[in-house]
Amino acid sequence: MVISAMGDGSFGFTCGELETIVRRNVPLKMIVFSNSVY
């Protein structure tokens, strides 16, 4: 099991890869610490 932990700043950099994750059906678990700030 692999966990990706990111802030919401990082999510904005990389969220396009959610399509890659779904297309490849990789069971990655992602946690976003959402606090609206760098």
ModelCIF file with pLDDT and N, C-alpha, C, O atoms, coordinates in Angstrom:
data_MODEL
#
_entry.id   MODEL 
#
_entity.id                         1 
_entity.type                       polymer 
_entity.pdbx_number_of_molecules   1 
#
_entity_poly.entity_id                      1 
_entity_poly.type                           'polypeptide(L)' 
_entity_poly.nstd_linkage                   no 
_entity_poly.nstd_monomer                   no 
_entity_poly.pdbx_seq_one_letter_code       MVISAMGDGSFGFTCGELETIVRRNVPLKMIVFSNSVY 
_entity_poly.pdbx_seq_one_letter_code_can   MVISAMGDGSFGFTCGELETIVRRNVPLKMIVFSNSVY 
_entity_poly.pdbx_strand_id                 A 
#
loop_
_entity_poly_seq.entity_id 
_entity_poly_seq.num 
_entity_poly_seq.mon_id 
_entity_poly_seq.hetero 
1 1  MET n 
1 2  VAL n 
1 3  ILE n 
1 4  SER n 
1 5  ALA n 
1 6  MET n 
1 7  GLY n 
1 8  ASP n 
1 9  GLY n 
1 10 SER n 
1 11 PHE n 
1 12 GLY n 
1 13 PHE n 
1 14 THR n 
1 15 CYS n 
1 16 GLY n 
1 17 GLU n 
1 18 LEU n 
1 19 GLU n 
1 20 THR n 
1 21 ILE n 
1 22 VAL n 
1 23 ARG n 
1 24 ARG n 
1 25 ASN n 
1 26 VAL n 
1 27 PRO n 
1 28 LEU n 
1 29 LYS n 
1 30 MET n 
1 31 ILE n 
1 32 VAL n 
1 33 PHE n 
1 34 SER n 
1 35 ASN n 
1 36 SER n 
1 37 VAL n 
1 38 TYR n 
#
_struct_asym.id          A 
_struct_asym.entity_id   1 
#
loop_
_ma_qa_metric.id 
_ma_qa_metric.mode 
_ma_qa_metric.name 
_ma_qa_metric.software_group_id 
_ma_qa_metric.type 
1 global pLDDT . pLDDT 
2 local  pLDDT . pLDDT 
#
_ma_qa_metric_global.metric_id      1 
_ma_qa_metric_global.metric_value   97.16 
_ma_qa_metric_global.model_id       1 
_ma_qa_metric_global.ordinal_id     1 
#
loop_
_ma_qa_metric_local.label_asym_id 
_ma_qa_metric_local.label_comp_id 
_ma_qa_metric_local.label_seq_id 
_ma_qa_metric_local.metric_id 
_ma_qa_metric_local.metric_value 
_ma_qa_metric_local.model_id 
_ma_qa_metric_local.ordinal_id 
A MET 1  2 98.00 1 1  
A VAL 2  2 98.00 1 2  
A ILE 3  2 98.00 1 3  
A SER 4  2 98.00 1 4  
A ALA 5  2 98.00 1 5  
A MET 6  2 98.00 1 6  
A GLY 7  2 96.00 1 7  
A ASP 8  2 96.00 1 8  
A GLY 9  2 95.00 1 9  
A SER 10 2 96.00 1 10 
A PHE 11 2 97.00 1 11 
A GLY 12 2 96.00 1 12 
A PHE 13 2 96.00 1 13 
A THR 14 2 97.00 1 14 
A CYS 15 2 97.00 1 15 
A GLY 16 2 98.00 1 16 
A GLU 17 2 98.00 1 17 
A LEU 18 2 98.00 1 18 
A GLU 19 2 98.00 1 19 
A THR 20 2 98.00 1 20 
A ILE 21 2 98.00 1 21 
A VAL 22 2 98.00 1 22 
A ARG 23 2 98.00 1 23 
A ARG 24 2 98.00 1 24 
A ASN 25 2 97.00 1 25 
A VAL 26 2 98.00 1 26 
A PRO 27 2 98.00 1 27 
A LEU 28 2 98.00 1 28 
A LYS 29 2 98.00 1 29 
A MET 30 2 98.00 1 30 
A ILE 31 2 98.00 1 31 
A VAL 32 2 98.00 1 32 
A PHE 33 2 97.00 1 33 
A SER 34 2 97.00 1 34 
A ASN 35 2 96.00 1 35 
A SER 36 2 95.00 1 36 
A VAL 37 2 95.00 1 37 
A TYR 38 2 93.00 1 38 
#
loop_
_atom_site.group_PDB 
_atom_site.id 
_atom_site.type_symbol 
_atom_site.label_atom_id 
_atom_site.label_alt_id 
_atom_site.label_comp_id 
_atom_site.label_asym_id 
_atom_site.label_entity_id 
_atom_site.label_seq_id 
_atom_site.pdbx_PDB_ins_code 
_atom_site.Cartn_x 
_atom_site.Cartn_y 
_atom_site.Cartn_z 
_atom_site.occupancy 
_atom_site.B_iso_or_equiv 
_atom_site.pdbx_formal_charge 
_atom_site.auth_seq_id 
_atom_site.auth_comp_id 
_atom_site.auth_asym_id 
_atom_site.auth_atom_id 
_atom_site.pdbx_PDB_model_num 
ATOM 1   N N  . MET A 1 1  ? 0.853  -1.185 0.000   1.00 98.00 ? 1  MET A N  1 
ATOM 2   C CA . MET A 1 1  ? 0.000  0.000  0.000   1.00 98.00 ? 1  MET A CA 1 
ATOM 3   C C  . MET A 1 1  ? 0.889  1.235  0.000   1.00 98.00 ? 1  MET A C  1 
ATOM 4   O O  . MET A 1 1  ? 1.812  1.343  0.807   1.00 98.00 ? 1  MET A O  1 
ATOM 5   N N  . VAL A 1 2  ? 0.609  2.162  -0.906  1.00 98.00 ? 2  VAL A N  1 
ATOM 6   C CA . VAL A 1 2  ? 1.394  3.390  -1.016  1.00 98.00 ? 2  VAL A CA 1 
ATOM 7   C C  . VAL A 1 2  ? 0.478  4.582  -0.761  1.00 98.00 ? 2  VAL A C  1 
ATOM 8   O O  . VAL A 1 2  ? -0.613 4.682  -1.323  1.00 98.00 ? 2  VAL A O  1 
ATOM 9   N N  . ILE A 1 3  ? 0.946  5.483  0.098   1.00 98.00 ? 3  ILE A N  1 
ATOM 10  C CA . ILE A 1 3  ? 0.209  6.686  0.479   1.00 98.00 ? 3  ILE A CA 1 
ATOM 11  C C  . ILE A 1 3  ? 0.940  7.903  -0.065  1.00 98.00 ? 3  ILE A C  1 
ATOM 12  O O  . ILE A 1 3  ? 2.146  8.045  0.136   1.00 98.00 ? 3  ILE A O  1 
ATOM 13  N N  . SER A 1 4  ? 0.220  8.779  -0.749  1.00 98.00 ? 4  SER A N  1 
ATOM 14  C CA . SER A 1 4  ? 0.766  10.068 -1.161  1.00 98.00 ? 4  SER A CA 1 
ATOM 15  C C  . SER A 1 4  ? 0.153  11.151 -0.295  1.00 98.00 ? 4  SER A C  1 
ATOM 16  O O  . SER A 1 4  ? -1.066 11.321 -0.280  1.00 98.00 ? 4  SER A O  1 
ATOM 17  N N  . ALA A 1 5  ? 0.997  11.893 0.436   1.00 98.00 ? 5  ALA A N  1 
ATOM 18  C CA . ALA A 1 5  ? 0.521  12.984 1.289   1.00 98.00 ? 5  ALA A CA 1 
ATOM 19  C C  . ALA A 1 5  ? 1.006  14.306 0.716   1.00 98.00 ? 5  ALA A C  1 
ATOM 20  O O  . ALA A 1 5  ? 2.194  14.485 0.449   1.00 98.00 ? 5  ALA A O  1 
ATOM 21  N N  . MET A 1 6  ? 0.074  15.222 0.534   1.00 98.00 ? 6  MET A N  1 
ATOM 22  C CA . MET A 1 6  ? 0.440  16.502 -0.092  1.00 98.00 ? 6  MET A CA 1 
ATOM 23  C C  . MET A 1 6  ? -0.377 17.629 0.512   1.00 98.00 ? 6  MET A C  1 
ATOM 24  O O  . MET A 1 6  ? -1.466 17.418 1.044   1.00 98.00 ? 6  MET A O  1 
ATOM 25  N N  . GLY A 1 7  ? 0.174  18.831 0.416   1.00 96.00 ? 7  GLY A N  1 
ATOM 26  C CA . GLY A 1 7  ? -0.619 20.004 0.730   1.00 96.00 ? 7  GLY A CA 1 
ATOM 27  C C  . GLY A 1 7  ? -1.454 20.387 -0.471  1.00 96.00 ? 7  GLY A C  1 
ATOM 28  O O  . GLY A 1 7  ? -1.279 19.831 -1.556  1.00 96.00 ? 7  GLY A O  1 
ATOM 29  N N  . ASP A 1 8  ? -2.367 21.339 -0.289  1.00 96.00 ? 8  ASP A N  1 
ATOM 30  C CA . ASP A 1 8  ? -3.178 21.745 -1.430  1.00 96.00 ? 8  ASP A CA 1 
ATOM 31  C C  . ASP A 1 8  ? -2.369 22.556 -2.431  1.00 96.00 ? 8  ASP A C  1 
ATOM 32  O O  . ASP A 1 8  ? -2.731 22.624 -3.606  1.00 96.00 ? 8  ASP A O  1 
ATOM 33  N N  . GLY A 1 9  ? -1.273 23.175 -1.981  1.00 95.00 ? 9  GLY A N  1 
ATOM 34  C CA . GLY A 1 9  ? -0.381 23.819 -2.940  1.00 95.00 ? 9  GLY A CA 1 
ATOM 35  C C  . GLY A 1 9  ? 0.206  22.805 -3.905  1.00 95.00 ? 9  GLY A C  1 
ATOM 36  O O  . GLY A 1 9  ? 0.234  23.032 -5.115  1.00 95.00 ? 9  GLY A O  1 
ATOM 37  N N  . SER A 1 10 ? 0.672  21.695 -3.374  1.00 96.00 ? 10 SER A N  1 
ATOM 38  C CA . SER A 1 10 ? 1.238  20.644 -4.216  1.00 96.00 ? 10 SER A CA 1 
ATOM 39  C C  . SER A 1 10 ? 0.187  20.008 -5.114  1.00 96.00 ? 10 SER A C  1 
ATOM 40  O O  . SER A 1 10 ? 0.473  19.665 -6.261  1.00 96.00 ? 10 SER A O  1 
ATOM 41  N N  . PHE A 1 11 ? -1.029 19.850 -4.597  1.00 97.00 ? 11 PHE A N  1 
ATOM 42  C CA . PHE A 1 11 ? -2.107 19.279 -5.410  1.00 97.00 ? 11 PHE A CA 1 
ATOM 43  C C  . PHE A 1 11 ? -2.302 20.091 -6.690  1.00 97.00 ? 11 PHE A C  1 
ATOM 44  O O  . PHE A 1 11 ? -2.521 19.530 -7.763  1.00 97.00 ? 11 PHE A O  1 
ATOM 45  N N  . GLY A 1 12 ? -2.220 21.405 -6.566  1.00 96.00 ? 12 GLY A N  1 
ATOM 46  C CA . GLY A 1 12 ? -2.386 22.259 -7.738  1.00 96.00 ? 12 GLY A CA 1 
ATOM 47  C C  . GLY A 1 12 ? -1.299 22.079 -8.776  1.00 96.00 ? 12 GLY A C  1 
ATOM 48  O O  . GLY A 1 12 ? -1.530 22.314 -9.962  1.00 96.00 ? 12 GLY A O  1 
ATOM 49  N N  . PHE A 1 13 ? -0.117 21.667 -8.350  1.00 96.00 ? 13 PHE A N  1 
ATOM 50  C CA . PHE A 1 13 ? 0.980  21.429 -9.284  1.00 96.00 ? 13 PHE A CA 1 
ATOM 51  C C  . PHE A 1 13 ? 0.754  20.168 -10.123 1.00 96.00 ? 13 PHE A C  1 
ATOM 52  O O  . PHE A 1 13 ? 1.217  20.093 -11.261 1.00 96.00 ? 13 PHE A O  1 
ATOM 53  N N  . THR A 1 14 ? 0.054  19.189 -9.577  1.00 97.00 ? 14 THR A N  1 
ATOM 54  C CA . THR A 1 14 ? 0.188  17.826 -10.092 1.00 97.00 ? 14 THR A CA 1 
ATOM 55  C C  . THR A 1 14 ? -1.116 17.094 -10.363 1.00 97.00 ? 14 THR A C  1 
ATOM 56  O O  . THR A 1 14 ? -1.085 15.924 -10.743 1.00 97.00 ? 14 THR A O  1 
ATOM 57  N N  . CYS A 1 15 ? -2.262 17.743 -10.180 1.00 97.00 ? 15 CYS A N  1 
ATOM 58  C CA . CYS A 1 15 ? -3.523 16.995 -10.209 1.00 97.00 ? 15 CYS A CA 1 
ATOM 59  C C  . CYS A 1 15 ? -3.851 16.406 -11.577 1.00 97.00 ? 15 CYS A C  1 
ATOM 60  O O  . CYS A 1 15 ? -4.708 15.527 -11.672 1.00 97.00 ? 15 CYS A O  1 
ATOM 61  N N  . GLY A 1 16 ? -3.195 16.865 -12.633 1.00 98.00 ? 16 GLY A N  1 
ATOM 62  C CA . GLY A 1 16 ? -3.424 16.260 -13.941 1.00 98.00 ? 16 GLY A CA 1 
ATOM 63  C C  . GLY A 1 16 ? -3.085 14.791 -13.992 1.00 98.00 ? 16 GLY A C  1 
ATOM 64  O O  . GLY A 1 16 ? -3.621 14.052 -14.818 1.00 98.00 ? 16 GLY A O  1 
ATOM 65  N N  . GLU A 1 17 ? -2.185 14.356 -13.100 1.00 98.00 ? 17 GLU A N  1 
ATOM 66  C CA . GLU A 1 17 ? -1.815 12.943 -13.093 1.00 98.00 ? 17 GLU A CA 1 
ATOM 67  C C  . GLU A 1 17 ? -2.883 12.050 -12.480 1.00 98.00 ? 17 GLU A C  1 
ATOM 68  O O  . GLU A 1 17 ? -2.742 10.827 -12.496 1.00 98.00 ? 17 GLU A O  1 
ATOM 69  N N  . LEU A 1 18 ? -3.946 12.633 -11.942 1.00 98.00 ? 18 LEU A N  1 
ATOM 70  C CA . LEU A 1 18 ? -5.069 11.806 -11.512 1.00 98.00 ? 18 LEU A CA 1 
ATOM 71  C C  . LEU A 1 18 ? -5.620 10.998 -12.683 1.00 98.00 ? 18 LEU A C  1 
ATOM 72  O O  . LEU A 1 18 ? -6.077 9.869  -12.506 1.00 98.00 ? 18 LEU A O  1 
ATOM 73  N N  . GLU A 1 19 ? -5.574 11.581 -13.875 1.00 98.00 ? 19 GLU A N  1 
ATOM 74  C CA . GLU A 1 19 ? -6.019 10.832 -15.057 1.00 98.00 ? 19 GLU A CA 1 
ATOM 75  C C  . GLU A 1 19 ? -5.123 9.632  -15.308 1.00 98.00 ? 19 GLU A C  1 
ATOM 76  O O  . GLU A 1 19 ? -5.613 8.551  -15.637 1.00 98.00 ? 19 GLU A O  1 
ATOM 77  N N  . THR A 1 20 ? -3.818 9.806  -15.157 1.00 98.00 ? 20 THR A N  1 
ATOM 78  C CA . THR A 1 20 ? -2.882 8.687  -15.337 1.00 98.00 ? 20 THR A CA 1 
ATOM 79  C C  . THR A 1 20 ? -3.167 7.594  -14.318 1.00 98.00 ? 20 THR A C  1 
ATOM 80  O O  . THR A 1 20 ? -3.178 6.409  -14.652 1.00 98.00 ? 20 THR A O  1 
ATOM 81  N N  . ILE A 1 21 ? -3.396 7.997  -13.085 1.00 98.00 ? 21 ILE A N  1 
ATOM 82  C CA . ILE A 1 21 ? -3.667 7.032  -12.014 1.00 98.00 ? 21 ILE A CA 1 
ATOM 83  C C  . ILE A 1 21 ? -4.914 6.218  -12.326 1.00 98.00 ? 21 ILE A C  1 
ATOM 84  O O  . ILE A 1 21 ? -4.925 5.001  -12.138 1.00 98.00 ? 21 ILE A O  1 
ATOM 85  N N  . VAL A 1 22 ? -5.972 6.886  -12.807 1.00 98.00 ? 22 VAL A N  1 
ATOM 86  C CA . VAL A 1 22 ? -7.218 6.194  -13.120 1.00 98.00 ? 22 VAL A CA 1 
ATOM 87  C C  . VAL A 1 22 ? -7.054 5.318  -14.357 1.00 98.00 ? 22 VAL A C  1 
ATOM 88  O O  . VAL A 1 22 ? -7.506 4.173  -14.369 1.00 98.00 ? 22 VAL A O  1 
ATOM 89  N N  . ARG A 1 23 ? -6.413 5.846  -15.395 1.00 98.00 ? 23 ARG A N  1 
ATOM 90  C CA . ARG A 1 23 ? -6.225 5.078  -16.633 1.00 98.00 ? 23 ARG A CA 1 
ATOM 91  C C  . ARG A 1 23 ? -5.464 3.786  -16.380 1.00 98.00 ? 23 ARG A C  1 
ATOM 92  O O  . ARG A 1 23 ? -5.769 2.747  -16.965 1.00 98.00 ? 23 ARG A O  1 
ATOM 93  N N  . ARG A 1 24 ? -4.465 3.865  -15.497 1.00 98.00 ? 24 ARG A N  1 
ATOM 94  C CA . ARG A 1 24 ? -3.657 2.688  -15.195 1.00 98.00 ? 24 ARG A CA 1 
ATOM 95  C C  . ARG A 1 24 ? -4.237 1.870  -14.036 1.00 98.00 ? 24 ARG A C  1 
ATOM 96  O O  . ARG A 1 24 ? -3.717 0.803  -13.711 1.00 98.00 ? 24 ARG A O  1 
ATOM 97  N N  . ASN A 1 25 ? -5.300 2.363  -13.419 1.00 97.00 ? 25 ASN A N  1 
ATOM 98  C CA . ASN A 1 25 ? -5.944 1.699  -12.283 1.00 97.00 ? 25 ASN A CA 1 
ATOM 99  C C  . ASN A 1 25 ? -4.935 1.336  -11.198 1.00 97.00 ? 25 ASN A C  1 
ATOM 100 O O  . ASN A 1 25 ? -4.913 0.213  -10.695 1.00 97.00 ? 25 ASN A O  1 
ATOM 101 N N  . VAL A 1 26 ? -4.110 2.307  -10.853 1.00 98.00 ? 26 VAL A N  1 
ATOM 102 C CA . VAL A 1 26 ? -3.132 2.133  -9.777  1.00 98.00 ? 26 VAL A CA 1 
ATOM 103 C C  . VAL A 1 26 ? -3.812 2.511  -8.466  1.00 98.00 ? 26 VAL A C  1 
ATOM 104 O O  . VAL A 1 26 ? -4.316 3.627  -8.348  1.00 98.00 ? 26 VAL A O  1 
ATOM 105 N N  . PRO A 1 27 ? -3.843 1.614  -7.470  1.00 98.00 ? 27 PRO A N  1 
ATOM 106 C CA . PRO A 1 27 ? -4.642 1.845  -6.255  1.00 98.00 ? 27 PRO A CA 1 
ATOM 107 C C  . PRO A 1 27 ? -3.981 2.772  -5.241  1.00 98.00 ? 27 PRO A C  1 
ATOM 108 O O  . PRO A 1 27 ? -3.942 2.470  -4.048  1.00 98.00 ? 27 PRO A O  1 
ATOM 109 N N  . LEU A 1 28 ? -3.471 3.886  -5.714  1.00 98.00 ? 28 LEU A N  1 
ATOM 110 C CA . LEU A 1 28 ? -2.783 4.840  -4.851  1.00 98.00 ? 28 LEU A CA 1 
ATOM 111 C C  . LEU A 1 28 ? -3.772 5.514  -3.903  1.00 98.00 ? 28 LEU A C  1 
ATOM 112 O O  . LEU A 1 28 ? -4.885 5.864  -4.297  1.00 98.00 ? 28 LEU A O  1 
ATOM 113 N N  . LYS A 1 29 ? -3.357 5.691  -2.660  1.00 98.00 ? 29 LYS A N  1 
ATOM 114 C CA . LYS A 1 29 ? -4.166 6.403  -1.668  1.00 98.00 ? 29 LYS A CA 1 
ATOM 115 C C  . LYS A 1 29 ? -3.552 7.787  -1.449  1.00 98.00 ? 29 LYS A C  1 
ATOM 116 O O  . LYS A 1 29 ? -2.369 7.912  -1.134  1.00 98.00 ? 29 LYS A O  1 
ATOM 117 N N  . MET A 1 30 ? -4.374 8.822  -1.620  1.00 98.00 ? 30 MET A N  1 
ATOM 118 C CA . MET A 1 30 ? -3.871 10.193 -1.577  1.00 98.00 ? 30 MET A CA 1 
ATOM 119 C C  . MET A 1 30 ? -4.543 10.982 -0.460  1.00 98.00 ? 30 MET A C  1 
ATOM 120 O O  . MET A 1 30 ? -5.752 10.878 -0.253  1.00 98.00 ? 30 MET A O  1 
ATOM 121 N N  . ILE A 1 31 ? -3.751 11.769 0.252   1.00 98.00 ? 31 ILE A N  1 
ATOM 122 C CA . ILE A 1 31 ? -4.250 12.615 1.333   1.00 98.00 ? 31 ILE A CA 1 
ATOM 123 C C  . ILE A 1 31 ? -3.858 14.054 1.019   1.00 98.00 ? 31 ILE A C  1 
ATOM 124 O O  . ILE A 1 31 ? -2.684 14.351 0.794   1.00 98.00 ? 31 ILE A O  1 
ATOM 125 N N  . VAL A 1 32 ? -4.844 14.940 1.007   1.00 98.00 ? 32 VAL A N  1 
ATOM 126 C CA . VAL A 1 32 ? -4.577 16.358 0.805   1.00 98.00 ? 32 VAL A CA 1 
ATOM 127 C C  . VAL A 1 32 ? -4.815 17.089 2.120   1.00 98.00 ? 32 VAL A C  1 
ATOM 128 O O  . VAL A 1 32 ? -5.914 17.051 2.673   1.00 98.00 ? 32 VAL A O  1 
ATOM 129 N N  . PHE A 1 33 ? -3.768 17.758 2.616   1.00 97.00 ? 33 PHE A N  1 
ATOM 130 C CA . PHE A 1 33 ? -3.911 18.649 3.771   1.00 97.00 ? 33 PHE A CA 1 
ATOM 131 C C  . PHE A 1 33 ? -4.381 20.001 3.214   1.00 97.00 ? 33 PHE A C  1 
ATOM 132 O O  . PHE A 1 33 ? -3.586 20.782 2.691   1.00 97.00 ? 33 PHE A O  1 
ATOM 133 N N  . SER A 1 34 ? -5.665 20.251 3.336   1.00 97.00 ? 34 SER A N  1 
ATOM 134 C CA . SER A 1 34 ? -6.267 21.423 2.704   1.00 97.00 ? 34 SER A CA 1 
ATOM 135 C C  . SER A 1 34 ? -6.316 22.579 3.695   1.00 97.00 ? 34 SER A C  1 
ATOM 136 O O  . SER A 1 34 ? -7.086 22.555 4.656   1.00 97.00 ? 34 SER A O  1 
ATOM 137 N N  . ASN A 1 35 ? -5.484 23.594 3.450   1.00 96.00 ? 35 ASN A N  1 
ATOM 138 C CA . ASN A 1 35 ? -5.483 24.756 4.341   1.00 96.00 ? 35 ASN A CA 1 
ATOM 139 C C  . ASN A 1 35 ? -5.318 26.081 3.599   1.00 96.00 ? 35 ASN A C  1 
ATOM 140 O O  . ASN A 1 35 ? -5.140 27.128 4.222   1.00 96.00 ? 35 ASN A O  1 
ATOM 141 N N  . SER A 1 36 ? -5.377 26.033 2.276   1.00 95.00 ? 36 SER A N  1 
ATOM 142 C CA . SER A 1 36 ? -5.460 27.252 1.442   1.00 95.00 ? 36 SER A CA 1 
ATOM 143 C C  . SER A 1 36 ? -4.273 28.197 1.612   1.00 95.00 ? 36 SER A C  1 
ATOM 144 O O  . SER A 1 36 ? -4.437 29.416 1.657   1.00 95.00 ? 36 SER A O  1 
ATOM 145 N N  . VAL A 1 37 ? -3.089 27.624 1.707   1.00 95.00 ? 37 VAL A N  1 
ATOM 146 C CA . VAL A 1 37 ? -1.924 28.476 1.932   1.00 95.00 ? 37 VAL A CA 1 
ATOM 147 C C  . VAL A 1 37 ? -0.652 27.742 1.527   1.00 95.00 ? 37 VAL A C  1 
ATOM 148 O O  . VAL A 1 37 ? -0.559 26.521 1.651   1.00 95.00 ? 37 VAL A O  1 
ATOM 149 N N  . TYR A 1 38 ? 0.322  28.502 1.043   1.00 93.00 ? 38 TYR A N  1 
ATOM 150 C CA . TYR A 1 38 ? 1.684  27.977 0.939   1.00 93.00 ? 38 TYR A CA 1 
ATOM 151 C C  . TYR A 1 38 ? 2.293  28.106 2.335   1.00 93.00 ? 38 TYR A C  1 
ATOM 152 O O  . TYR A 1 38 ? 3.449  27.735 2.541   1.00 93.00 ? 38 TYR A O  1 
#
